[in-house]
N, C-alpha and C. Protein backbone atom coordinates (compact mmCIF):
# COMPACT_ATOMS: atom_id res chain seq x y z
N ALA A 1 24.41 -7.84 4.99
CA ALA A 1 24.10 -6.22 5.57
C ALA A 1 23.63 -6.37 7.23
N PHE A 2 23.22 -7.44 7.34
CA PHE A 2 23.18 -7.60 8.81
C PHE A 2 24.32 -7.41 9.77
N VAL A 3 25.28 -8.03 9.28
CA VAL A 3 26.87 -8.12 10.08
C VAL A 3 27.44 -6.72 9.86
N HIS A 4 27.33 -6.21 8.43
CA HIS A 4 27.82 -4.88 8.40
C HIS A 4 26.96 -3.67 9.25
N ARG A 5 25.58 -3.84 9.48
CA ARG A 5 25.16 -2.82 10.58
C ARG A 5 25.53 -3.28 11.95
N CYS A 6 25.88 -4.52 12.14
CA CYS A 6 26.38 -4.72 13.55
C CYS A 6 27.55 -3.83 14.13
N GLY A 7 28.62 -3.96 12.52
CA GLY A 7 29.70 -3.31 12.73
C GLY A 7 29.55 -1.70 12.98
N ARG A 8 28.23 -1.28 13.01
CA ARG A 8 28.12 0.14 13.01
C ARG A 8 27.71 0.32 14.38
N THR A 9 27.30 -0.42 15.59
CA THR A 9 27.38 -0.46 16.88
C THR A 9 28.66 0.17 17.58
N ALA A 10 29.59 -0.60 16.78
CA ALA A 10 31.17 -0.44 17.81
C ALA A 10 32.33 0.03 16.81
N ARG A 11 32.23 1.66 17.00
CA ARG A 11 33.12 2.11 16.01
C ARG A 11 34.25 2.99 16.97
N ILE A 12 35.36 3.31 16.61
CA ILE A 12 36.38 3.78 17.07
C ILE A 12 36.82 3.35 18.26
N GLY A 13 36.70 1.85 18.30
CA GLY A 13 37.55 1.45 19.55
C GLY A 13 36.36 0.79 20.18
N HIS A 14 35.31 1.40 20.50
CA HIS A 14 33.79 1.10 21.29
C HIS A 14 33.50 0.10 20.90
N GLY A 15 32.68 -0.47 22.26
CA GLY A 15 32.34 -1.96 21.99
C GLY A 15 30.81 -1.51 21.22
N GLY A 16 29.90 -2.49 21.28
CA GLY A 16 28.40 -2.50 20.78
C GLY A 16 27.96 -3.65 20.87
N SER A 17 26.76 -3.68 20.44
CA SER A 17 26.00 -4.99 20.48
C SER A 17 24.56 -5.05 19.53
N ALA A 18 24.21 -5.60 18.99
CA ALA A 18 23.03 -5.45 18.01
C ALA A 18 21.74 -6.84 18.15
N LEU A 19 21.00 -6.04 17.91
CA LEU A 19 19.60 -7.28 18.34
C LEU A 19 18.80 -7.83 16.72
N VAL A 20 18.57 -8.80 16.65
CA VAL A 20 17.68 -9.54 15.68
C VAL A 20 16.83 -10.10 16.24
N PHE A 21 15.37 -10.16 15.79
CA PHE A 21 14.08 -10.99 15.80
C PHE A 21 14.44 -11.91 14.86
N LEU A 22 14.33 -13.25 15.28
CA LEU A 22 14.08 -14.22 14.08
C LEU A 22 12.86 -15.11 14.12
N LEU A 23 12.09 -15.46 13.70
CA LEU A 23 11.01 -16.38 13.85
C LEU A 23 11.42 -17.58 13.52
N PRO A 24 10.48 -18.61 14.29
CA PRO A 24 11.24 -20.07 14.40
C PRO A 24 11.59 -20.69 13.13
N MET A 25 10.87 -20.37 11.79
CA MET A 25 11.36 -20.69 10.76
C MET A 25 12.64 -20.26 9.84
N GLU A 26 13.11 -19.18 10.78
CA GLU A 26 14.07 -18.72 10.37
C GLU A 26 15.63 -18.63 11.34
N GLU A 27 15.37 -19.33 12.42
CA GLU A 27 16.37 -20.04 13.08
C GLU A 27 17.51 -20.42 12.46
N SER A 28 17.58 -20.84 11.44
CA SER A 28 18.89 -21.22 10.45
C SER A 28 19.71 -20.51 10.19
N TYR A 29 19.46 -19.11 9.95
CA TYR A 29 19.82 -18.01 9.91
C TYR A 29 21.11 -17.86 10.94
N VAL A 30 20.85 -18.15 12.05
CA VAL A 30 22.28 -18.14 13.22
C VAL A 30 23.14 -19.05 13.02
N SER A 31 23.03 -20.07 12.37
CA SER A 31 23.85 -21.24 11.69
C SER A 31 24.48 -20.41 10.66
N PHE A 32 23.87 -19.90 9.79
CA PHE A 32 24.51 -19.66 8.30
C PHE A 32 25.17 -17.96 8.66
N LEU A 33 25.23 -17.41 9.59
CA LEU A 33 25.75 -16.24 9.99
C LEU A 33 27.25 -16.80 11.03
N GLU A 34 26.99 -17.96 11.64
CA GLU A 34 28.24 -18.55 12.27
C GLU A 34 29.05 -18.92 11.23
N ILE A 35 28.72 -19.69 10.17
CA ILE A 35 29.53 -20.24 9.65
C ILE A 35 30.35 -19.37 8.35
N ASN A 36 29.10 -18.67 7.51
CA ASN A 36 29.65 -17.79 6.48
C ASN A 36 29.93 -16.67 6.73
N GLN A 37 29.62 -15.84 7.69
CA GLN A 37 29.98 -14.50 8.36
C GLN A 37 30.83 -14.68 9.38
N LYS A 38 31.39 -15.66 9.68
CA LYS A 38 32.24 -15.88 11.12
C LYS A 38 31.73 -14.74 12.23
N CYS A 39 30.05 -14.50 12.32
CA CYS A 39 29.61 -13.82 13.09
C CYS A 39 28.47 -14.69 14.41
N PRO A 40 29.04 -15.12 15.35
CA PRO A 40 28.50 -16.09 16.27
C PRO A 40 27.32 -15.28 17.01
N LEU A 41 25.96 -15.61 17.19
CA LEU A 41 25.02 -14.99 18.01
C LEU A 41 24.66 -15.67 19.54
N GLN A 42 24.26 -14.42 20.45
CA GLN A 42 23.99 -15.38 21.81
C GLN A 42 22.33 -15.08 21.52
N GLU A 43 21.78 -16.20 22.26
CA GLU A 43 20.11 -16.21 22.48
C GLU A 43 20.08 -15.24 23.13
N MET A 44 18.91 -14.26 23.56
CA MET A 44 18.57 -13.69 24.65
C MET A 44 17.29 -13.95 24.96
N LYS A 45 17.55 -14.44 26.73
CA LYS A 45 16.52 -15.12 27.32
C LYS A 45 15.11 -13.82 27.23
N LEU A 46 13.97 -14.24 27.30
CA LEU A 46 12.60 -13.24 27.29
C LEU A 46 12.73 -13.02 28.50
N GLN A 47 12.21 -11.69 28.69
CA GLN A 47 11.86 -11.38 30.16
C GLN A 47 10.36 -11.91 30.52
N LYS A 48 10.08 -12.32 31.71
CA LYS A 48 8.81 -12.67 32.07
C LYS A 48 7.90 -12.00 32.79
N ASN A 49 6.79 -12.15 32.32
CA ASN A 49 5.58 -10.90 32.83
C ASN A 49 5.57 -9.68 32.09
N THR A 50 6.19 -9.81 31.16
CA THR A 50 5.82 -8.37 29.97
C THR A 50 4.48 -8.03 29.90
N GLY A 51 4.32 -6.27 29.98
CA GLY A 51 3.40 -5.79 29.93
C GLY A 51 2.45 -6.52 28.07
N ASP A 52 1.52 -6.11 27.85
CA ASP A 52 1.22 -6.42 25.95
C ASP A 52 1.27 -4.62 25.46
N LEU A 53 2.10 -4.23 24.78
CA LEU A 53 2.38 -2.99 24.55
C LEU A 53 1.59 -2.52 23.46
N LEU A 54 1.10 -3.76 22.68
CA LEU A 54 0.18 -3.54 21.44
C LEU A 54 -0.83 -2.52 21.16
N PRO A 55 -1.60 -2.96 22.62
CA PRO A 55 -2.76 -1.91 22.62
C PRO A 55 -2.51 -0.62 22.85
N LYS A 56 -1.55 -0.29 23.40
CA LYS A 56 -0.89 1.28 23.54
C LYS A 56 -0.58 1.67 22.38
N LEU A 57 0.20 1.08 21.90
CA LEU A 57 0.62 1.22 20.11
C LEU A 57 -0.49 1.57 19.49
N LYS A 58 -1.46 0.54 19.27
CA LYS A 58 -2.13 0.84 18.63
C LYS A 58 -3.27 2.20 18.95
N SER A 59 -3.40 2.58 20.27
CA SER A 59 -4.15 3.77 20.48
C SER A 59 -3.19 5.07 20.21
N MET A 60 -2.02 4.70 20.40
CA MET A 60 -1.59 6.07 19.90
C MET A 60 -1.55 6.29 18.13
N ALA A 61 -1.76 5.02 17.50
CA ALA A 61 -1.59 5.25 16.01
C ALA A 61 -2.96 6.14 15.79
N LEU A 62 -3.89 5.81 16.63
CA LEU A 62 -5.58 6.26 16.37
C LEU A 62 -5.16 7.47 16.58
N SER A 63 -4.47 8.13 17.54
CA SER A 63 -4.66 9.77 17.88
C SER A 63 -3.44 10.48 17.42
N ASP A 64 -2.63 9.69 16.83
CA ASP A 64 -1.72 10.75 16.30
C ASP A 64 -1.33 10.09 14.51
N ARG A 65 -1.28 11.11 13.69
CA ARG A 65 -1.29 10.17 12.27
C ARG A 65 0.27 9.83 12.20
N ALA A 66 1.06 10.61 12.74
CA ALA A 66 2.49 10.34 12.56
C ALA A 66 3.02 8.93 12.77
N MET A 67 2.33 8.55 14.17
CA MET A 67 2.38 6.95 14.59
C MET A 67 1.80 6.19 13.66
N PHE A 68 0.80 6.79 12.97
CA PHE A 68 -0.12 5.68 12.10
C PHE A 68 1.26 5.54 10.93
N GLU A 69 1.71 6.44 10.72
CA GLU A 69 2.32 6.20 9.40
C GLU A 69 3.60 5.93 9.34
N LYS A 70 4.36 5.85 10.76
CA LYS A 70 5.53 5.23 10.76
C LYS A 70 5.66 3.92 11.05
N GLY A 71 4.27 3.60 11.70
CA GLY A 71 3.88 1.87 11.54
C GLY A 71 3.49 1.75 10.56
N MET A 72 2.94 1.96 9.29
CA MET A 72 2.76 1.39 8.22
C MET A 72 4.18 1.64 6.97
N LYS A 73 4.96 2.66 7.22
CA LYS A 73 6.24 2.55 6.89
C LYS A 73 7.27 1.37 6.89
N ALA A 74 7.22 1.22 8.49
CA ALA A 74 8.04 0.26 9.07
C ALA A 74 7.48 -1.20 8.46
N PHE A 75 6.32 -1.42 8.53
CA PHE A 75 5.60 -2.33 7.85
C PHE A 75 5.89 -3.04 6.31
N VAL A 76 5.95 -1.89 5.60
CA VAL A 76 6.21 -2.05 4.29
C VAL A 76 7.87 -2.08 3.94
N SER A 77 8.64 -1.43 4.68
CA SER A 77 10.31 -1.65 4.45
C SER A 77 10.28 -3.03 4.96
N TYR A 78 9.89 -3.61 5.93
CA TYR A 78 10.32 -5.10 6.34
C TYR A 78 9.80 -6.29 5.48
N VAL A 79 8.86 -5.66 4.91
CA VAL A 79 8.21 -6.65 3.78
C VAL A 79 9.18 -6.86 2.29
N GLN A 80 9.29 -5.46 1.98
CA GLN A 80 9.89 -5.29 1.02
C GLN A 80 11.70 -5.79 1.10
N ALA A 81 11.95 -5.56 2.46
CA ALA A 81 13.51 -5.76 2.31
C ALA A 81 13.76 -7.69 2.39
N TYR A 82 12.83 -8.28 3.44
CA TYR A 82 12.30 -9.50 3.37
C TYR A 82 11.97 -10.12 1.96
N ALA A 83 11.50 -9.61 1.12
CA ALA A 83 11.26 -10.10 -0.30
C ALA A 83 12.42 -10.09 -0.94
N LYS A 84 13.64 -9.18 -0.66
CA LYS A 84 14.52 -8.97 -1.28
C LYS A 84 15.89 -9.75 -0.81
N HIS A 85 15.44 -10.40 0.68
CA HIS A 85 16.85 -10.73 0.99
C HIS A 85 17.32 -11.83 0.32
N GLU A 86 19.22 -11.56 0.24
CA GLU A 86 19.46 -12.65 -0.77
C GLU A 86 19.42 -13.99 0.06
N CYS A 87 19.02 -14.62 1.17
CA CYS A 87 18.93 -15.49 1.73
C CYS A 87 17.51 -15.97 1.55
N ASN A 88 17.30 -15.88 0.69
CA ASN A 88 15.76 -16.42 0.12
C ASN A 88 15.31 -17.50 0.76
N LEU A 89 16.55 -18.68 0.74
CA LEU A 89 15.93 -19.79 1.26
C LEU A 89 15.55 -20.34 2.55
N ILE A 90 16.05 -19.24 3.21
CA ILE A 90 15.52 -19.10 4.82
C ILE A 90 14.45 -18.22 5.09
N PHE A 91 14.30 -16.97 4.56
CA PHE A 91 13.41 -15.94 4.54
C PHE A 91 12.69 -16.28 2.92
N ARG A 92 11.32 -16.82 3.35
CA ARG A 92 10.60 -17.28 2.58
C ARG A 92 9.59 -16.35 2.44
N ILE A 93 9.28 -15.40 1.66
CA ILE A 93 8.27 -14.42 1.41
C ILE A 93 6.63 -15.32 1.56
N LYS A 94 6.65 -16.34 0.79
CA LYS A 94 5.24 -16.87 0.90
C LYS A 94 5.02 -17.74 1.77
N ASP A 95 5.85 -17.36 3.03
CA ASP A 95 5.53 -18.05 4.03
C ASP A 95 5.43 -17.46 5.30
N LEU A 96 5.74 -15.99 5.11
CA LEU A 96 5.29 -15.19 6.20
C LEU A 96 3.91 -14.65 6.22
N ASP A 97 3.84 -14.60 8.15
CA ASP A 97 2.59 -14.60 8.37
C ASP A 97 2.13 -13.18 8.49
N PHE A 98 1.56 -12.52 7.66
CA PHE A 98 1.47 -11.06 7.05
C PHE A 98 0.51 -10.17 8.04
N ALA A 99 -0.56 -11.46 8.67
CA ALA A 99 -1.55 -10.87 9.41
C ALA A 99 -1.03 -10.67 10.96
N SER A 100 -0.14 -11.68 11.10
CA SER A 100 0.50 -11.72 12.78
C SER A 100 1.38 -10.40 12.70
N LEU A 101 2.51 -9.93 11.69
CA LEU A 101 3.29 -9.00 11.15
C LEU A 101 2.47 -7.99 11.58
N ALA A 102 1.46 -7.71 10.85
CA ALA A 102 0.83 -6.36 10.61
C ALA A 102 0.47 -5.98 12.23
N ARG A 103 -0.09 -7.13 12.87
CA ARG A 103 -0.49 -6.69 14.62
C ARG A 103 0.45 -6.59 15.27
N GLY A 104 1.61 -6.97 14.85
CA GLY A 104 3.01 -6.55 15.55
C GLY A 104 3.34 -5.24 15.31
N PHE A 105 3.03 -4.76 14.38
CA PHE A 105 3.60 -3.12 13.94
C PHE A 105 1.97 -2.59 14.21
N ALA A 106 1.13 -2.85 15.05
CA ALA A 106 0.27 -1.91 15.26
C ALA A 106 -0.57 -1.32 14.25
N LEU A 107 -0.73 -2.14 12.96
CA LEU A 107 -1.44 -1.75 12.33
C LEU A 107 -3.00 -1.34 12.31
N LEU A 108 -3.50 -0.55 11.74
CA LEU A 108 -5.12 -0.21 11.72
C LEU A 108 -5.54 -0.68 10.86
N ARG A 109 -4.81 -0.94 9.33
CA ARG A 109 -5.07 -1.94 8.31
C ARG A 109 -4.24 -1.92 7.52
N MET A 110 -4.37 -2.71 6.43
CA MET A 110 -3.04 -3.02 5.56
C MET A 110 -2.94 -2.23 4.71
N PRO A 111 -1.88 -2.14 4.41
CA PRO A 111 -1.32 -0.66 3.25
C PRO A 111 -1.55 -1.63 1.71
N LYS A 112 -1.51 -0.70 1.03
CA LYS A 112 -1.42 -1.32 -0.19
C LYS A 112 -0.33 -1.51 -1.41
N MET A 113 0.38 -2.64 -1.25
CA MET A 113 1.74 -2.75 -1.84
C MET A 113 1.36 -4.16 -3.03
N PRO A 114 2.35 -4.14 -3.58
CA PRO A 114 2.16 -5.43 -4.46
C PRO A 114 2.50 -6.58 -3.79
N GLU A 115 3.39 -6.72 -3.11
CA GLU A 115 3.96 -8.16 -1.99
C GLU A 115 2.38 -8.77 -1.75
N LEU A 116 0.97 -7.96 -1.22
CA LEU A 116 -0.07 -8.31 -1.08
C LEU A 116 -1.09 -8.27 -1.45
N ARG A 117 -1.35 -8.04 -2.63
CA ARG A 117 -1.54 -7.84 -4.05
C ARG A 117 -2.64 -9.31 -4.27
N GLY A 118 -3.69 -9.11 -4.28
CA GLY A 118 -4.55 -10.70 -4.18
C GLY A 118 -4.53 -11.63 -3.41
N ARG A 119 -3.61 -11.60 -2.10
CA ARG A 119 -3.62 -11.98 -0.95
C ARG A 119 -5.06 -11.59 0.37
N GLN A 120 -5.45 -12.65 0.46
CA GLN A 120 -6.45 -12.34 1.82
C GLN A 120 -6.07 -12.47 3.40
N PHE A 121 -6.60 -11.74 4.18
CA PHE A 121 -6.03 -11.80 5.56
C PHE A 121 -7.59 -12.13 6.74
N PRO A 122 -7.55 -13.25 6.85
CA PRO A 122 -9.01 -13.50 7.86
C PRO A 122 -8.52 -13.13 9.13
N ASP A 123 -7.27 -13.41 9.40
CA ASP A 123 -6.50 -13.35 10.79
C ASP A 123 -6.67 -11.93 11.57
N PHE A 124 -6.41 -10.98 10.36
CA PHE A 124 -6.31 -9.25 10.46
C PHE A 124 -7.43 -8.84 10.52
N VAL A 125 -7.71 -8.25 11.35
CA VAL A 125 -9.21 -7.44 11.66
C VAL A 125 -8.86 -5.92 11.65
N PRO A 126 -8.88 -5.07 10.61
CA PRO A 126 -8.84 -4.16 10.52
C PRO A 126 -9.77 -2.99 11.66
N ALA A 127 -9.11 -2.02 11.86
CA ALA A 127 -9.72 -0.79 13.23
C ALA A 127 -10.87 -0.34 12.31
N ASP A 128 -12.07 -0.09 13.07
CA ASP A 128 -13.19 0.01 12.52
C ASP A 128 -13.04 1.68 12.71
N VAL A 129 -12.36 2.20 11.40
CA VAL A 129 -12.15 3.69 11.71
C VAL A 129 -11.54 4.20 10.51
N ASN A 130 -12.09 5.45 9.77
CA ASN A 130 -11.75 5.93 8.62
C ASN A 130 -10.37 6.66 8.78
N THR A 131 -9.13 5.88 8.25
CA THR A 131 -7.97 6.68 8.51
C THR A 131 -7.49 7.87 8.00
N ASP A 132 -8.61 7.96 7.36
CA ASP A 132 -8.11 9.71 6.58
C ASP A 132 -8.71 10.86 7.35
N THR A 133 -9.29 10.16 8.57
CA THR A 133 -9.43 11.30 9.85
C THR A 133 -8.79 11.22 10.67
N ILE A 134 -7.83 10.64 10.66
CA ILE A 134 -6.64 10.47 11.83
C ILE A 134 -5.74 12.05 12.09
N PRO A 135 -5.82 12.75 12.82
CA PRO A 135 -5.28 13.95 12.77
C PRO A 135 -3.73 13.96 13.20
N PHE A 136 -2.60 14.38 12.76
CA PHE A 136 -1.40 14.54 13.32
C PHE A 136 -1.36 15.60 14.40
N LYS A 137 -0.88 15.14 15.85
CA LYS A 137 -0.73 15.57 16.62
C LYS A 137 -0.26 17.43 16.69
N ASP A 138 0.97 17.40 15.44
CA ASP A 138 1.68 18.52 15.49
C ASP A 138 0.54 19.27 14.56
N LYS A 139 0.52 20.23 14.77
CA LYS A 139 -0.38 21.52 14.65
C LYS A 139 -0.21 22.09 13.16
N VAL A 140 1.17 22.45 12.56
CA VAL A 140 1.80 22.88 11.75
C VAL A 140 1.23 21.64 10.46
N ARG A 141 1.89 20.47 11.20
CA ARG A 141 1.89 19.51 9.71
C ARG A 141 0.29 19.09 9.67
N GLU A 142 -0.39 19.03 10.90
CA GLU A 142 -2.05 18.99 10.14
C GLU A 142 -2.56 19.88 9.51
N LYS A 143 -2.27 20.85 9.64
CA LYS A 143 -2.79 22.22 8.90
C LYS A 143 -2.42 22.16 7.28
N GLN A 144 -1.10 21.99 6.82
CA GLN A 144 -0.69 21.65 5.90
C GLN A 144 -1.41 20.35 5.23
N ARG A 145 -1.88 19.38 6.18
CA ARG A 145 -2.41 17.89 5.50
C ARG A 145 -3.55 18.55 4.98
N GLN A 146 -4.58 19.24 6.12
CA GLN A 146 -5.56 19.66 5.45
C GLN A 146 -5.76 20.39 4.05
N LYS A 147 -4.82 21.26 4.19
CA LYS A 147 -4.66 21.98 2.87
C LYS A 147 -4.47 21.31 1.52
N LEU A 148 -3.76 20.08 2.04
CA LEU A 148 -3.90 19.09 1.05
C LEU A 148 -5.08 18.77 0.30
N LEU A 149 -5.47 17.89 1.39
CA LEU A 149 -6.39 17.20 1.02
C LEU A 149 -7.66 17.85 0.89
N GLU A 150 -7.70 19.58 1.01
CA GLU A 150 -8.73 20.24 0.30
C GLU A 150 -8.41 20.45 -1.16
N GLN A 151 -7.18 20.41 -1.41
CA GLN A 151 -6.79 20.97 -2.84
C GLN A 151 -7.08 19.63 -3.91
N GLN A 152 -6.77 18.12 -2.86
CA GLN A 152 -7.34 16.92 -3.45
C GLN A 152 -8.74 17.07 -3.87
N ARG A 153 -9.84 17.12 -2.92
CA ARG A 153 -10.92 17.17 -3.23
C ARG A 153 -11.70 17.99 -4.35
N LYS A 154 -10.96 19.32 -4.44
CA LYS A 154 -11.29 20.28 -5.39
C LYS A 154 -11.04 19.74 -6.57
N GLU A 155 -9.61 19.14 -6.77
CA GLU A 155 -9.31 18.30 -8.65
C GLU A 155 -10.04 17.36 -8.73
N LYS A 156 -10.86 16.36 -7.59
CA LYS A 156 -11.42 15.47 -8.18
C LYS A 156 -12.83 16.14 -8.49
N ARG A 157 -12.97 16.96 -7.68
CA ARG A 157 -14.67 17.77 -8.43
C ARG A 157 -14.12 18.17 -9.80
N GLU A 158 -13.11 18.63 -9.99
CA GLU A 158 -12.74 19.59 -11.35
C GLU A 158 -13.12 18.20 -12.38
N ASN A 159 -12.38 17.34 -11.80
CA ASN A 159 -12.03 15.83 -12.93
C ASN A 159 -13.18 15.45 -13.10
N GLU A 160 -14.27 15.24 -12.27
CA GLU A 160 -15.25 14.41 -12.58
C GLU A 160 -16.56 15.31 -13.23
N GLY A 161 -16.40 16.69 -13.27
CA GLY A 161 -16.89 17.72 -14.24
C GLY A 161 -16.39 17.36 -15.69
N ARG A 162 -15.36 17.17 -15.58
CA ARG A 162 -14.26 17.24 -17.09
C ARG A 162 -15.32 16.04 -17.70
N LYS A 163 -15.34 14.88 -17.10
CA LYS A 163 -15.34 13.46 -17.45
C LYS A 163 -16.79 13.70 -17.82
N LYS A 164 -17.68 14.59 -17.19
CA LYS A 164 -19.39 14.18 -17.49
C LYS A 164 -19.40 15.45 -18.90
N PHE A 165 -18.58 16.50 -18.91
CA PHE A 165 -18.40 17.25 -20.17
C PHE A 165 -18.41 16.39 -21.17
N ILE A 166 -17.05 16.10 -21.15
CA ILE A 166 -16.46 15.01 -22.35
C ILE A 166 -18.19 13.77 -22.68
N LYS A 167 -18.01 13.35 -21.39
CA LYS A 167 -19.26 12.36 -22.02
C LYS A 167 -20.63 12.74 -22.83
N ASN A 168 -20.83 13.46 -22.06
CA ASN A 168 -22.07 14.42 -23.01
C ASN A 168 -21.62 14.78 -24.14
N LYS A 169 -20.64 15.41 -24.57
CA LYS A 169 -20.16 16.04 -25.83
C LYS A 169 -20.04 14.78 -26.68
N ALA A 170 -19.68 13.34 -26.32
CA ALA A 170 -19.43 12.43 -27.04
C ALA A 170 -20.55 12.11 -27.27
N TRP A 171 -21.70 12.05 -26.38
CA TRP A 171 -23.03 11.42 -26.79
C TRP A 171 -23.83 12.22 -27.26
N SER A 172 -23.24 13.85 -27.62
CA SER A 172 -24.26 14.36 -28.43
C SER A 172 -23.43 14.18 -29.91
N LYS A 173 -22.45 14.15 -29.89
CA LYS A 173 -21.58 13.89 -31.10
C LYS A 173 -21.84 12.29 -31.93
N GLN A 174 -22.40 11.34 -31.18
CA GLN A 174 -23.23 10.38 -31.55
C GLN A 174 -24.37 10.43 -31.80
N LYS A 175 -24.94 10.90 -31.57
CA LYS A 175 -26.50 11.25 -31.67
C LYS A 175 -26.29 12.37 -33.16
N ALA A 176 -25.69 13.13 -33.18
CA ALA A 176 -25.68 13.76 -34.46
C ALA A 176 -25.24 12.66 -35.96
N LYS A 177 -24.52 12.11 -35.25
CA LYS A 177 -23.73 11.18 -36.55
C LYS A 177 -24.95 9.95 -36.38
N LYS A 178 -25.62 9.59 -35.76
CA LYS A 178 -26.78 8.98 -35.87
C LYS A 178 -27.97 9.31 -37.10
N GLU A 179 -28.01 10.75 -36.59
CA GLU A 179 -28.82 11.47 -37.35
C GLU A 179 -28.59 11.68 -38.46
N LYS A 180 -27.61 12.14 -38.78
CA LYS A 180 -27.28 12.20 -40.25
C LYS A 180 -26.78 11.01 -40.72
N LYS A 181 -26.72 9.85 -40.37
CA LYS A 181 -26.79 8.36 -40.92
C LYS A 181 -28.33 7.84 -41.65
N LYS A 182 -29.27 8.48 -40.30
CA LYS A 182 -30.20 8.47 -40.96
C LYS A 182 -31.37 8.91 -41.98
N GLN A 183 -30.92 10.52 -42.29
CA GLN A 183 -30.90 11.43 -43.11
C GLN A 183 -30.73 10.78 -44.66
N MET A 184 -28.91 10.17 -44.60
CA MET A 184 -28.60 9.67 -45.88
C MET A 184 -29.53 8.83 -46.26
N ASN A 185 -29.91 7.67 -45.59
CA ASN A 185 -30.65 6.60 -45.88
C ASN A 185 -32.09 6.86 -46.17
N GLU A 186 -32.19 7.75 -45.80
CA GLU A 186 -33.77 8.27 -46.21
C GLU A 186 -33.79 9.00 -47.54
N LYS A 187 -32.79 9.40 -48.09
CA LYS A 187 -32.32 10.29 -48.91
C LYS A 187 -32.16 9.38 -50.49
N ARG A 188 -31.29 8.15 -49.68
CA ARG A 188 -30.85 7.22 -50.83
C ARG A 188 -32.24 6.62 -50.92
N LYS A 189 -33.34 6.22 -50.30
CA LYS A 189 -34.45 5.49 -50.34
C LYS A 189 -35.29 6.50 -51.64
N ARG A 190 -35.49 7.87 -51.28
CA ARG A 190 -36.12 8.64 -52.23
C ARG A 190 -35.38 8.24 -53.62
N GLU A 191 -33.80 8.64 -53.44
CA GLU A 191 -33.21 8.38 -54.90
C GLU A 191 -33.82 7.02 -55.27
N GLU A 192 -34.01 6.29 -54.86
CA GLU A 192 -34.03 4.72 -55.55
C GLU A 192 -35.47 4.78 -55.93
N GLY A 193 -36.35 5.28 -55.42
CA GLY A 193 -37.96 5.70 -55.39
C GLY A 193 -37.99 6.21 -56.99
N SER A 194 -37.12 7.47 -57.38
CA SER A 194 -37.17 7.92 -58.37
C SER A 194 -36.69 7.58 -59.30
N ASP A 195 -35.88 6.84 -59.12
CA ASP A 195 -35.30 5.89 -60.60
C ASP A 195 -36.14 4.84 -60.90
N ILE A 196 -36.89 4.37 -59.78
CA ILE A 196 -37.96 3.21 -60.46
C ILE A 196 -39.18 4.18 -61.14
N GLU A 197 -39.47 5.14 -60.85
CA GLU A 197 -40.46 5.95 -61.50
C GLU A 197 -40.02 6.07 -62.75
N ASP A 198 -38.61 6.53 -63.10
CA ASP A 198 -38.30 6.94 -64.54
C ASP A 198 -38.47 5.88 -65.44
N GLU A 199 -37.87 4.70 -64.97
CA GLU A 199 -37.90 3.34 -65.45
C GLU A 199 -39.63 3.38 -66.32
N ASP A 200 -40.42 3.58 -65.52
CA ASP A 200 -41.61 3.43 -65.40
C ASP A 200 -41.83 4.38 -66.85
């Protein structure tokens, strides 16, 4: 799949290049591509004195819901692609550092997804903010979101009222059933008492 994507960068006789980021535990993928896919890679030297962009990205996610959602979607896509990678001997999902990965995507909180279920991330500190309150900078999208939120709140209130009604109805039914049972027991006792008197 990676080699296929590389081919997309150089089409119709034009040149192109592709970049792949690898963790130290994934470096054997370079040899795999060279031997199995006939696709040699060249290591790119890191630039020195580069600024830390993560605080800026995090600030953008806090101020614009579009950025927040893009980060979440990118993280989910990355993890799911990692889990389904055909080179699972190199890309081992159980060895992936999810906390570092989440910080790299400038996430404000961990998303809910099957791959993270039951896991703890002490090295990841979620932002102290209710992410539901992060607005879209695009006013049209924000208006639509607020409308949807109001609809969801209304449905929640209606469902809670319905559950309460069903609960009360069930409780009343159960009470009536107990009362009927009590009356039947009393009637049976009276009848048994009457039979004893007749025998006398």
